[in-house]
Amino acid sequence: MPKACILIMEGTNCEEETKTAFEEVGIEAELVHLKQLTGDVPKKKKRNLFDYQIMMLPGGWSAGDYIRAGAIFAARIKSKLMRDIEEFVANGYLVGGICNGFQILLELGLLPGFEGISEEPIAALTTNLNARFQCRPVYVKHINKCAFTEKIDKGEVLQIPVAHAEGRFTFGENDEKFLERLIDNKQIVFRYCHSDGKEAEGEFPWNPNGSLYDIAGISNPEGNVLGMMPHPERVMEGINKAEWTRNKIDEGDGRVFFESIAEYIKRR
C-alpha cells in the first residue's frame, strides 16, 4: 500500500485530519516527527523518507510562528534533511504543503521553483491585508492541473475553508515579473473566486487575505510540489460544508484533492 509521510514538529495541529484524509482514500499515512527523519531519535524510531511516496507538511503554527510563519521549521529541515528532500523531489515523488506547510515550502525555496530549488525564498505568504486571522469557507477555482489535482476538472470551483493570519501571497517588489512567469508556466493551481467562479479580483471576503492575483495555491513547474492555503483535509465530508444543513451533501470538496493524490501515487 502507498505510504504518506506527514511531517510534524512542535506546533503542528492539523496532522490528525490530514492522516485521516489519506487513509480514507486508501493511502497508509504516518505521523513522522522531523527528528525521526534526521536521526535524532533512538534507532527503533528512525524513519527513512524514501519509504514514502509523498511527504505532506500539514497546517498549524510550527514553532509558534516565531520570527515568521514556517521559518523555524524550514530552518530545521534545511540543516539536516534538505538533501534528501531535493532527491525525493527530483525522483518525482510528491511534496505538499497546506497552510503552514505552504509557508514552509516557500521558505525552503521548493516553490515556486522557477530554476529548481532556490537557496533563498523568492516569494512569501505575509500578513493578511486586514491584519486579522481569517477562518471561513472560501471558494477556489482550479486553474491548472498538476499531480495533486488530476481528478479535478479545470475551472471547477471548490468550497474549502481557510484559517490563517499570514496568507497573502506576494513576490514583493517582483510581483509583476514573477507573476508573469507563474502564469506562463501554468503553475497557478488554485485562485480565490466568487461562488460562481467569477474572479475575486482581490475583493474581501472572496479573497480572504489580499493575495496577489487571488492566488490560493501553486505548484513547481514539474507539478510534483504543491502548496495551498485552504485546508482540503477539513472538508472531506458533506457535513463539513457551510450549506450542508440546507442541501445534505454527501461528500466534501476536499475529498477529490486526496483522491487525485492517491490515483497519481498508485499509478506511478
C-alpha atoms as a PDB file:
ATOM      1  CA  MET A   1       0.000   0.000   0.000  1.00  0.00           C
ATOM      2  CA  PRO A   2       1.318   3.504  -0.828  1.00  0.00           C
ATOM      3  CA  LYS A   3       2.514   5.471   2.181  1.00  0.00           C
ATOM      4  CA  ALA A   4       2.343   9.142   3.122  1.00  0.00           C
ATOM      5  CA  CYS A   5       4.761  10.832   5.487  1.00  0.00           C
ATOM      6  CA  ILE A   6       3.005  13.610   7.390  1.00  0.00           C
ATOM      7  CA  LEU A   7       5.907  15.645   8.704  1.00  0.00           C
ATOM      8  CA  ILE A   8       5.349  17.320  12.051  1.00  0.00           C
ATOM      9  CA  MET A   9       7.084  19.250  14.802  1.00  0.00           C
ATOM     10  CA  GLU A  10       6.036  21.214  17.870  1.00  0.00           C
ATOM     11  CA  GLY A  11       3.126  23.471  16.930  1.00  0.00           C
ATOM     12  CA  THR A  12       1.705  21.395  14.078  1.00  0.00           C
ATOM     13  CA  ASN A  13      -2.025  20.969  14.694  1.00  0.00           C
ATOM     14  CA  CYS A  14      -3.728  19.637  11.549  1.00  0.00           C
ATOM     15  CA  GLU A  15      -1.878  16.347  11.313  1.00  0.00           C
ATOM     16  CA  GLU A  16      -4.676  14.065  12.502  1.00  0.00           C
ATOM     17  CA  GLU A  17      -7.194  15.370   9.960  1.00  0.00           C
ATOM     18  CA  THR A  18      -4.580  15.045   7.211  1.00  0.00           C
ATOM     19  CA  LYS A  19      -3.759  11.481   8.251  1.00  0.00           C
ATOM     20  CA  THR A  20      -7.438  10.535   8.236  1.00  0.00           C
ATOM     21  CA  ALA A  21      -7.939  12.116   4.805  1.00  0.00           C
ATOM     22  CA  PHE A  22      -5.164   9.986   3.301  1.00  0.00           C
ATOM     23  CA  GLU A  23      -6.460   6.825   4.952  1.00  0.00           C
ATOM     24  CA  GLU A  24      -9.959   7.412   3.600  1.00  0.00           C
ATOM     25  CA  VAL A  25      -8.619   7.300   0.025  1.00  0.00           C
ATOM     26  CA  GLY A  26      -6.518   4.180   0.549  1.00  0.00           C
ATOM     27  CA  ILE A  27      -3.137   5.669   1.459  1.00  0.00           C
ATOM     28  CA  GLU A  28      -1.353   4.443   4.570  1.00  0.00           C
ATOM     29  CA  ALA A  29      -0.331   7.558   6.491  1.00  0.00           C
ATOM     30  CA  GLU A  30       2.138   8.008   9.321  1.00  0.00           C
ATOM     31  CA  LEU A  31       2.774  10.999  11.552  1.00  0.00           C
ATOM     32  CA  VAL A  32       6.541  11.449  11.431  1.00  0.00           C
ATOM     33  CA  HIS A  33       8.365  13.925  13.654  1.00  0.00           C
ATOM     34  CA  LEU A  34      11.193  15.777  11.934  1.00  0.00           C
ATOM     35  CA  LYS A  35      13.706  14.209  14.326  1.00  0.00           C
ATOM     36  CA  GLN A  36      12.689  10.747  13.116  1.00  0.00           C
ATOM     37  CA  LEU A  37      13.925  11.620   9.621  1.00  0.00           C
ATOM     38  CA  THR A  38      17.067  13.434  10.771  1.00  0.00           C
ATOM     39  CA  GLY A  39      18.122  10.534  13.003  1.00  0.00           C
ATOM     40  CA  ASP A  40      17.926  12.422  16.287  1.00  0.00           C
ATOM     41  CA  VAL A  41      15.921   9.660  17.987  1.00  0.00           C
ATOM     42  CA  PRO A  42      16.566   6.097  19.196  1.00  0.00           C
ATOM     43  CA  LYS A  43      17.195   3.659  16.338  1.00  0.00           C
ATOM     44  CA  LYS A  44      13.790   1.948  16.517  1.00  0.00           C
ATOM     45  CA  LYS A  45      12.028   5.281  15.985  1.00  0.00           C
ATOM     46  CA  LYS A  46      14.047   6.368  12.944  1.00  0.00           C
ATOM     47  CA  ARG A  47      12.291   6.692   9.590  1.00  0.00           C
ATOM     48  CA  ASN A  48      13.561   6.925   6.001  1.00  0.00           C
ATOM     49  CA  LEU A  49      11.928   9.495   3.716  1.00  0.00           C
ATOM     50  CA  PHE A  50      12.334   7.170   0.731  1.00  0.00           C
ATOM     51  CA  ASP A  51       9.968   4.626   2.280  1.00  0.00           C
ATOM     52  CA  TYR A  52       7.117   7.004   1.385  1.00  0.00           C
ATOM     53  CA  GLN A  53       5.623   8.224  -1.892  1.00  0.00           C
ATOM     54  CA  ILE A  54       4.502  11.619  -0.601  1.00  0.00           C
ATOM     55  CA  MET A  55       5.624  13.970   2.129  1.00  0.00           C
ATOM     56  CA  MET A  56       2.916  16.324   3.356  1.00  0.00           C
ATOM     57  CA  LEU A  57       3.512  19.338   5.576  1.00  0.00           C
ATOM     58  CA  PRO A  58       0.202  19.995   7.360  1.00  0.00           C
ATOM     59  CA  GLY A  59      -1.218  23.182   8.788  1.00  0.00           C
ATOM     60  CA  GLY A  60      -0.637  24.659  12.205  1.00  0.00           C
ATOM     61  CA  TRP A  61       1.688  27.080  13.928  1.00  0.00           C
ATOM     62  CA  SER A  62       5.012  25.261  13.808  1.00  0.00           C
ATOM     63  CA  ALA A  63       7.360  26.623  16.481  1.00  0.00           C
ATOM     64  CA  GLY A  64       4.637  29.109  17.380  1.00  0.00           C
ATOM     65  CA  ASP A  65       5.189  31.035  14.117  1.00  0.00           C
ATOM     66  CA  TYR A  66       8.032  32.893  15.828  1.00  0.00           C
ATOM     67  CA  ILE A  67      10.224  35.013  13.523  1.00  0.00           C
ATOM     68  CA  ARG A  68       7.672  34.429  10.744  1.00  0.00           C
ATOM     69  CA  ALA A  69       5.317  31.644   9.776  1.00  0.00           C
ATOM     70  CA  GLY A  70       7.177  28.458   8.858  1.00  0.00           C
ATOM     71  CA  ALA A  71      10.661  29.942   9.224  1.00  0.00           C
ATOM     72  CA  ILE A  72      11.887  27.804  12.128  1.00  0.00           C
ATOM     73  CA  PHE A  73      10.512  24.528  10.742  1.00  0.00           C
ATOM     74  CA  ALA A  74      12.134  25.325   7.389  1.00  0.00           C
ATOM     75  CA  ALA A  75      15.469  26.152   9.031  1.00  0.00           C
ATOM     76  CA  ARG A  76      15.476  22.825  10.854  1.00  0.00           C
ATOM     77  CA  ILE A  77      14.671  20.969   7.640  1.00  0.00           C
ATOM     78  CA  LYS A  78      17.446  22.791   5.775  1.00  0.00           C
ATOM     79  CA  SER A  79      20.027  21.951   8.413  1.00  0.00           C
ATOM     80  CA  LYS A  80      19.716  18.156   8.158  1.00  0.00           C
ATOM     81  CA  LEU A  81      17.071  16.968   5.692  1.00  0.00           C
ATOM     82  CA  MET A  82      17.254  19.199   2.643  1.00  0.00           C
ATOM     83  CA  ARG A  83      19.492  16.943   0.577  1.00  0.00           C
ATOM     84  CA  ASP A  84      17.070  14.031   0.980  1.00  0.00           C
ATOM     85  CA  ILE A  85      14.106  16.227   0.051  1.00  0.00           C
ATOM     86  CA  GLU A  86      15.891  17.501  -3.056  1.00  0.00           C
ATOM     87  CA  GLU A  87      16.497  13.909  -4.178  1.00  0.00           C
ATOM     88  CA  PHE A  88      12.932  12.936  -3.259  1.00  0.00           C
ATOM     89  CA  VAL A  89      11.533  15.709  -5.478  1.00  0.00           C
ATOM     90  CA  ALA A  90      13.999  15.036  -8.299  1.00  0.00           C
ATOM     91  CA  ASN A  91      12.823  11.403  -8.362  1.00  0.00           C
ATOM     92  CA  GLY A  92       9.255  12.545  -8.996  1.00  0.00           C
ATOM     93  CA  TYR A  93       7.799  11.886  -5.567  1.00  0.00           C
ATOM     94  CA  LEU A  94       5.238  14.309  -4.187  1.00  0.00           C
ATOM     95  CA  VAL A  95       5.786  17.051  -1.622  1.00  0.00           C
ATOM     96  CA  GLY A  96       2.767  19.031  -0.473  1.00  0.00           C
ATOM     97  CA  GLY A  97       2.137  21.810   1.988  1.00  0.00           C
ATOM     98  CA  ILE A  98      -1.177  23.029   3.380  1.00  0.00           C
ATOM     99  CA  CYS A  99      -1.372  26.461   5.034  1.00  0.00           C
ATOM    100  CA  ASN A 100       1.669  26.480   7.354  1.00  0.00           C
ATOM    101  CA  GLY A 101       3.065  23.773   5.084  1.00  0.00           C
ATOM    102  CA  PHE A 102       2.799  26.139   2.096  1.00  0.00           C
ATOM    103  CA  GLN A 103       4.672  28.777   4.090  1.00  0.00           C
ATOM    104  CA  ILE A 104       7.408  26.239   4.826  1.00  0.00           C
ATOM    105  CA  LEU A 105       7.740  25.229   1.153  1.00  0.00           C
ATOM    106  CA  LEU A 106       8.306  28.872   0.204  1.00  0.00           C
ATOM    107  CA  GLU A 107      10.869  29.283   2.980  1.00  0.00           C
ATOM    108  CA  LEU A 108      12.692  26.180   1.704  1.00  0.00           C
ATOM    109  CA  GLY A 109      12.801  27.516  -1.859  1.00  0.00           C
ATOM    110  CA  LEU A 110      10.907  24.461  -3.155  1.00  0.00           C
ATOM    111  CA  LEU A 111       8.284  26.842  -4.507  1.00  0.00           C
ATOM    112  CA  PRO A 112       7.872  28.421  -6.945  1.00  0.00           C
ATOM    113  CA  GLY A 113      10.902  26.517  -8.241  1.00  0.00           C
ATOM    114  CA  PHE A 114      11.472  28.560 -11.394  1.00  0.00           C
ATOM    115  CA  GLU A 115      15.120  27.490 -11.602  1.00  0.00           C
ATOM    116  CA  GLY A 116      14.904  24.426  -9.416  1.00  0.00           C
ATOM    117  CA  ILE A 117      15.216  24.839  -5.652  1.00  0.00           C
ATOM    118  CA  SER A 118      16.300  28.363  -4.716  1.00  0.00           C
ATOM    119  CA  GLU A 119      18.749  28.978  -1.875  1.00  0.00           C
ATOM    120  CA  GLU A 120      16.684  31.888  -0.574  1.00  0.00           C
ATOM    121  CA  PRO A 121      12.895  32.438  -0.659  1.00  0.00           C
ATOM    122  CA  ILE A 122      11.691  34.475  -3.634  1.00  0.00           C
ATOM    123  CA  ALA A 123       8.026  34.510  -2.593  1.00  0.00           C
ATOM    124  CA  ALA A 124       6.261  34.819   0.738  1.00  0.00           C
ATOM    125  CA  LEU A 125       2.937  34.397   2.478  1.00  0.00           C
ATOM    126  CA  THR A 126       2.690  37.508   4.575  1.00  0.00           C
ATOM    127  CA  THR A 127       0.175  39.198   6.875  1.00  0.00           C
ATOM    128  CA  ASN A 128      -3.410  39.372   5.607  1.00  0.00           C
ATOM    129  CA  LEU A 129      -4.269  42.822   4.273  1.00  0.00           C
ATOM    130  CA  ASN A 130      -6.845  43.399   7.009  1.00  0.00           C
ATOM    131  CA  ALA A 131      -4.324  42.230   9.645  1.00  0.00           C
ATOM    132  CA  ARG A 132      -6.856  39.760  11.044  1.00  0.00           C
ATOM    133  CA  PHE A 133      -6.918  35.997  11.384  1.00  0.00           C
ATOM    134  CA  GLN A 134      -9.357  34.630   8.794  1.00  0.00           C
ATOM    135  CA  CYS A 135     -11.220  31.382   9.454  1.00  0.00           C
ATOM    136  CA  ARG A 136     -14.042  30.862   6.964  1.00  0.00           C
ATOM    137  CA  PRO A 137     -15.149  28.819   3.960  1.00  0.00           C
ATOM    138  CA  VAL A 138     -13.833  30.263   0.704  1.00  0.00           C
ATOM    139  CA  TYR A 139     -14.257  29.366  -2.953  1.00  0.00           C
ATOM    140  CA  VAL A 140     -11.298  28.464  -5.132  1.00  0.00           C
ATOM    141  CA  LYS A 141     -11.193  27.801  -8.861  1.00  0.00           C
ATOM    142  CA  HIS A 142      -8.963  25.063 -10.252  1.00  0.00           C
ATOM    143  CA  ILE A 143      -6.793  26.796 -12.845  1.00  0.00           C
ATOM    144  CA  ASN A 144      -4.114  24.297 -13.883  1.00  0.00           C
ATOM    145  CA  LYS A 145      -3.751  20.577 -13.288  1.00  0.00           C
ATOM    146  CA  CYS A 146      -0.779  19.038 -11.506  1.00  0.00           C
ATOM    147  CA  ALA A 147      -0.041  15.688  -9.858  1.00  0.00           C
ATOM    148  CA  PHE A 148      -2.209  16.698  -6.893  1.00  0.00           C
ATOM    149  CA  THR A 149      -5.291  17.668  -8.899  1.00  0.00           C
ATOM    150  CA  GLU A 150      -5.633  15.285 -11.842  1.00  0.00           C
ATOM    151  CA  LYS A 151      -9.207  14.317 -10.912  1.00  0.00           C
ATOM    152  CA  ILE A 152     -10.355  17.927 -10.568  1.00  0.00           C
ATOM    153  CA  ASP A 153     -11.791  19.468 -13.718  1.00  0.00           C
ATOM    154  CA  LYS A 154     -10.131  22.607 -14.979  1.00  0.00           C
ATOM    155  CA  GLY A 155     -12.337  25.542 -13.994  1.00  0.00           C
ATOM    156  CA  GLU A 156     -14.098  23.576 -11.246  1.00  0.00           C
ATOM    157  CA  VAL A 157     -14.996  25.634  -8.172  1.00  0.00           C
ATOM    158  CA  LEU A 158     -14.422  24.096  -4.747  1.00  0.00           C
ATOM    159  CA  GLN A 159     -15.530  25.317  -1.338  1.00  0.00           C
ATOM    160  CA  ILE A 160     -12.655  24.821   1.106  1.00  0.00           C
ATOM    161  CA  PRO A 161     -12.034  26.555   4.448  1.00  0.00           C
ATOM    162  CA  VAL A 162      -9.087  28.793   5.278  1.00  0.00           C
ATOM    163  CA  ALA A 163      -7.628  29.518   8.707  1.00  0.00           C
ATOM    164  CA  HIS A 164      -4.640  31.846   8.682  1.00  0.00           C
ATOM    165  CA  ALA A 165      -3.271  35.252   9.609  1.00  0.00           C
ATOM    166  CA  GLU A 166      -0.392  35.162   7.106  1.00  0.00           C
ATOM    167  CA  GLY A 167      -1.778  34.003   3.779  1.00  0.00           C
ATOM    168  CA  ARG A 168      -1.193  36.894   1.398  1.00  0.00           C
ATOM    169  CA  PHE A 169       0.925  35.544  -1.455  1.00  0.00           C
ATOM    170  CA  THR A 170       3.455  38.029  -2.796  1.00  0.00           C
ATOM    171  CA  PHE A 171       6.758  38.340  -4.610  1.00  0.00           C
ATOM    172  CA  GLY A 172       7.332  41.739  -3.015  1.00  0.00           C
ATOM    173  CA  GLU A 173       8.961  44.162  -5.436  1.00  0.00           C
ATOM    174  CA  ASN A 174       9.000  41.469  -8.134  1.00  0.00           C
ATOM    175  CA  ASP A 175       5.230  40.857  -8.219  1.00  0.00           C
ATOM    176  CA  GLU A 176       4.735  41.745 -11.872  1.00  0.00           C
ATOM    177  CA  LYS A 177       7.799  39.950 -13.240  1.00  0.00           C
ATOM    178  CA  PHE A 178       7.370  36.702 -11.323  1.00  0.00           C
ATOM    179  CA  LEU A 179       3.584  36.592 -11.637  1.00  0.00           C
ATOM    180  CA  GLU A 180       4.020  36.512 -15.401  1.00  0.00           C
ATOM    181  CA  ARG A 181       6.329  33.505 -15.033  1.00  0.00           C
ATOM    182  CA  LEU A 182       3.797  31.679 -12.859  1.00  0.00           C
ATOM    183  CA  ILE A 183       1.103  32.256 -15.456  1.00  0.00           C
ATOM    184  CA  ASP A 184       3.303  31.310 -18.417  1.00  0.00           C
ATOM    185  CA  ASN A 185       4.483  28.127 -16.662  1.00  0.00           C
ATOM    186  CA  LYS A 186       0.903  27.170 -15.711  1.00  0.00           C
ATOM    187  CA  GLN A 187       1.965  26.940 -12.066  1.00  0.00           C
ATOM    188  CA  ILE A 188      -1.107  28.604 -10.568  1.00  0.00           C
ATOM    189  CA  VAL A 189      -3.256  25.708  -9.378  1.00  0.00           C
ATOM    190  CA  PHE A 190      -5.970  27.476  -7.350  1.00  0.00           C
ATOM    191  CA  ARG A 191      -7.312  31.035  -7.276  1.00  0.00           C
ATOM    192  CA  TYR A 192      -9.807  32.541  -4.850  1.00  0.00           C
ATOM    193  CA  CYS A 193     -13.109  33.329  -6.542  1.00  0.00           C
ATOM    194  CA  HIS A 194     -16.821  34.005  -6.083  1.00  0.00           C
ATOM    195  CA  SER A 195     -19.174  31.045  -5.638  1.00  0.00           C
ATOM    196  CA  ASP A 196     -19.989  31.159  -9.362  1.00  0.00           C
ATOM    197  CA  GLY A 197     -16.317  31.095 -10.351  1.00  0.00           C
ATOM    198  CA  LYS A 198     -16.043  34.808 -11.082  1.00  0.00           C
ATOM    199  CA  GLU A 199     -12.596  36.197 -10.254  1.00  0.00           C
ATOM    200  CA  ALA A 200     -12.332  37.670  -6.765  1.00  0.00           C
ATOM    201  CA  GLU A 201     -10.092  40.497  -8.040  1.00  0.00           C
ATOM    202  CA  GLY A 202      -8.753  40.994  -4.528  1.00  0.00           C
ATOM    203  CA  GLU A 203     -12.196  41.692  -3.071  1.00  0.00           C
ATOM    204  CA  PHE A 204     -12.754  40.630   0.540  1.00  0.00           C
ATOM    205  CA  PRO A 205     -14.075  38.175   1.682  1.00  0.00           C
ATOM    206  CA  TRP A 206     -13.841  36.252  -1.608  1.00  0.00           C
ATOM    207  CA  ASN A 207     -10.103  36.810  -1.461  1.00  0.00           C
ATOM    208  CA  PRO A 208      -9.615  36.482   2.306  1.00  0.00           C
ATOM    209  CA  ASN A 209      -6.098  37.864   2.540  1.00  0.00           C
ATOM    210  CA  GLY A 210      -5.346  40.195  -0.377  1.00  0.00           C
ATOM    211  CA  SER A 211      -3.204  37.599  -2.132  1.00  0.00           C
ATOM    212  CA  LEU A 212      -1.579  38.646  -5.411  1.00  0.00           C
ATOM    213  CA  TYR A 213      -3.759  37.667  -8.402  1.00  0.00           C
ATOM    214  CA  ASP A 214      -6.096  35.869  -5.961  1.00  0.00           C
ATOM    215  CA  ILE A 215      -3.519  33.078  -5.649  1.00  0.00           C
ATOM    216  CA  ALA A 216      -4.564  30.306  -3.265  1.00  0.00           C
ATOM    217  CA  GLY A 217      -2.178  27.556  -4.392  1.00  0.00           C
ATOM    218  CA  ILE A 218       0.768  26.993  -6.727  1.00  0.00           C
ATOM    219  CA  SER A 219       2.962  24.127  -7.882  1.00  0.00           C
ATOM    220  CA  ASN A 220       6.522  23.871  -9.100  1.00  0.00           C
ATOM    221  CA  PRO A 221       6.980  23.697 -12.910  1.00  0.00           C
ATOM    222  CA  GLU A 222       7.104  19.892 -12.791  1.00  0.00           C
ATOM    223  CA  GLY A 223       3.848  19.687 -10.835  1.00  0.00           C
ATOM    224  CA  ASN A 224       5.035  17.372  -8.055  1.00  0.00           C
ATOM    225  CA  VAL A 225       5.421  20.049  -5.362  1.00  0.00           C
ATOM    226  CA  LEU A 226       2.288  21.939  -4.339  1.00  0.00           C
ATOM    227  CA  GLY A 227       1.444  24.496  -1.691  1.00  0.00           C
ATOM    228  CA  MET A 228      -2.014  25.848  -0.902  1.00  0.00           C
ATOM    229  CA  MET A 229      -3.516  27.973   1.856  1.00  0.00           C
ATOM    230  CA  PRO A 230      -7.035  26.407   2.037  1.00  0.00           C
ATOM    231  CA  HIS A 231      -7.460  23.216   4.091  1.00  0.00           C
ATOM    232  CA  PRO A 232      -8.900  20.343   1.967  1.00  0.00           C
ATOM    233  CA  GLU A 233      -8.465  17.921   4.879  1.00  0.00           C
ATOM    234  CA  ARG A 234     -11.127  19.857   6.797  1.00  0.00           C
ATOM    235  CA  VAL A 235     -13.853  19.258   4.250  1.00  0.00           C
ATOM    236  CA  MET A 236     -13.773  15.560   3.404  1.00  0.00           C
ATOM    237  CA  GLU A 237     -17.454  15.062   4.220  1.00  0.00           C
ATOM    238  CA  GLY A 238     -20.519  16.935   3.042  1.00  0.00           C
ATOM    239  CA  ILE A 239     -21.370  17.743   6.643  1.00  0.00           C
ATOM    240  CA  ASN A 240     -18.254  19.943   6.722  1.00  0.00           C
ATOM    241  CA  LYS A 241     -19.623  22.271   4.032  1.00  0.00           C
ATOM    242  CA  ALA A 242     -21.231  25.552   5.007  1.00  0.00           C
ATOM    243  CA  GLU A 243     -24.586  24.802   3.339  1.00  0.00           C
ATOM    244  CA  TRP A 244     -24.901  21.173   4.486  1.00  0.00           C
ATOM    245  CA  THR A 245     -27.987  21.829   6.631  1.00  0.00           C
ATOM    246  CA  ARG A 246     -29.849  23.022   3.531  1.00  0.00           C
ATOM    247  CA  ASN A 247     -28.532  20.669   0.863  1.00  0.00           C
ATOM    248  CA  LYS A 248     -27.450  17.491   2.731  1.00  0.00           C
ATOM    249  CA  ILE A 249     -24.358  16.998   0.562  1.00  0.00           C
ATOM    250  CA  ASP A 250     -22.704  13.557   0.627  1.00  0.00           C
ATOM    251  CA  GLU A 251     -19.072  14.492   0.015  1.00  0.00           C
ATOM    252  CA  GLY A 252     -16.951  17.488   0.877  1.00  0.00           C
ATOM    253  CA  ASP A 253     -14.942  19.287  -1.779  1.00  0.00           C
ATOM    254  CA  GLY A 254     -11.610  18.322  -0.224  1.00  0.00           C
ATOM    255  CA  ARG A 255     -12.051  14.624  -0.955  1.00  0.00           C
ATOM    256  CA  VAL A 256     -11.288  14.897  -4.667  1.00  0.00           C
ATOM    257  CA  PHE A 257      -7.938  16.513  -3.819  1.00  0.00           C
ATOM    258  CA  PHE A 258      -6.833  13.487  -1.810  1.00  0.00           C
ATOM    259  CA  GLU A 259      -8.348  11.093  -4.357  1.00  0.00           C
ATOM    260  CA  SER A 260      -6.203  12.761  -7.015  1.00  0.00           C
ATOM    261  CA  ILE A 261      -3.081  12.220  -4.940  1.00  0.00           C
ATOM    262  CA  ALA A 262      -3.990   8.571  -4.351  1.00  0.00           C
ATOM    263  CA  GLU A 263      -4.625   7.939  -8.040  1.00  0.00           C
ATOM    264  CA  TYR A 264      -1.320   9.514  -9.055  1.00  0.00           C
ATOM    265  CA  ILE A 265       0.703   7.599  -6.469  1.00  0.00           C
ATOM    266  CA  LYS A 266      -0.915   4.241  -7.235  1.00  0.00           C
ATOM    267  CA  ARG A 267      -0.450   4.713 -10.984  1.00  0.00           C
ATOM    268  CA  ARG A 268       3.152   5.781 -10.591  1.00  0.00           C
END
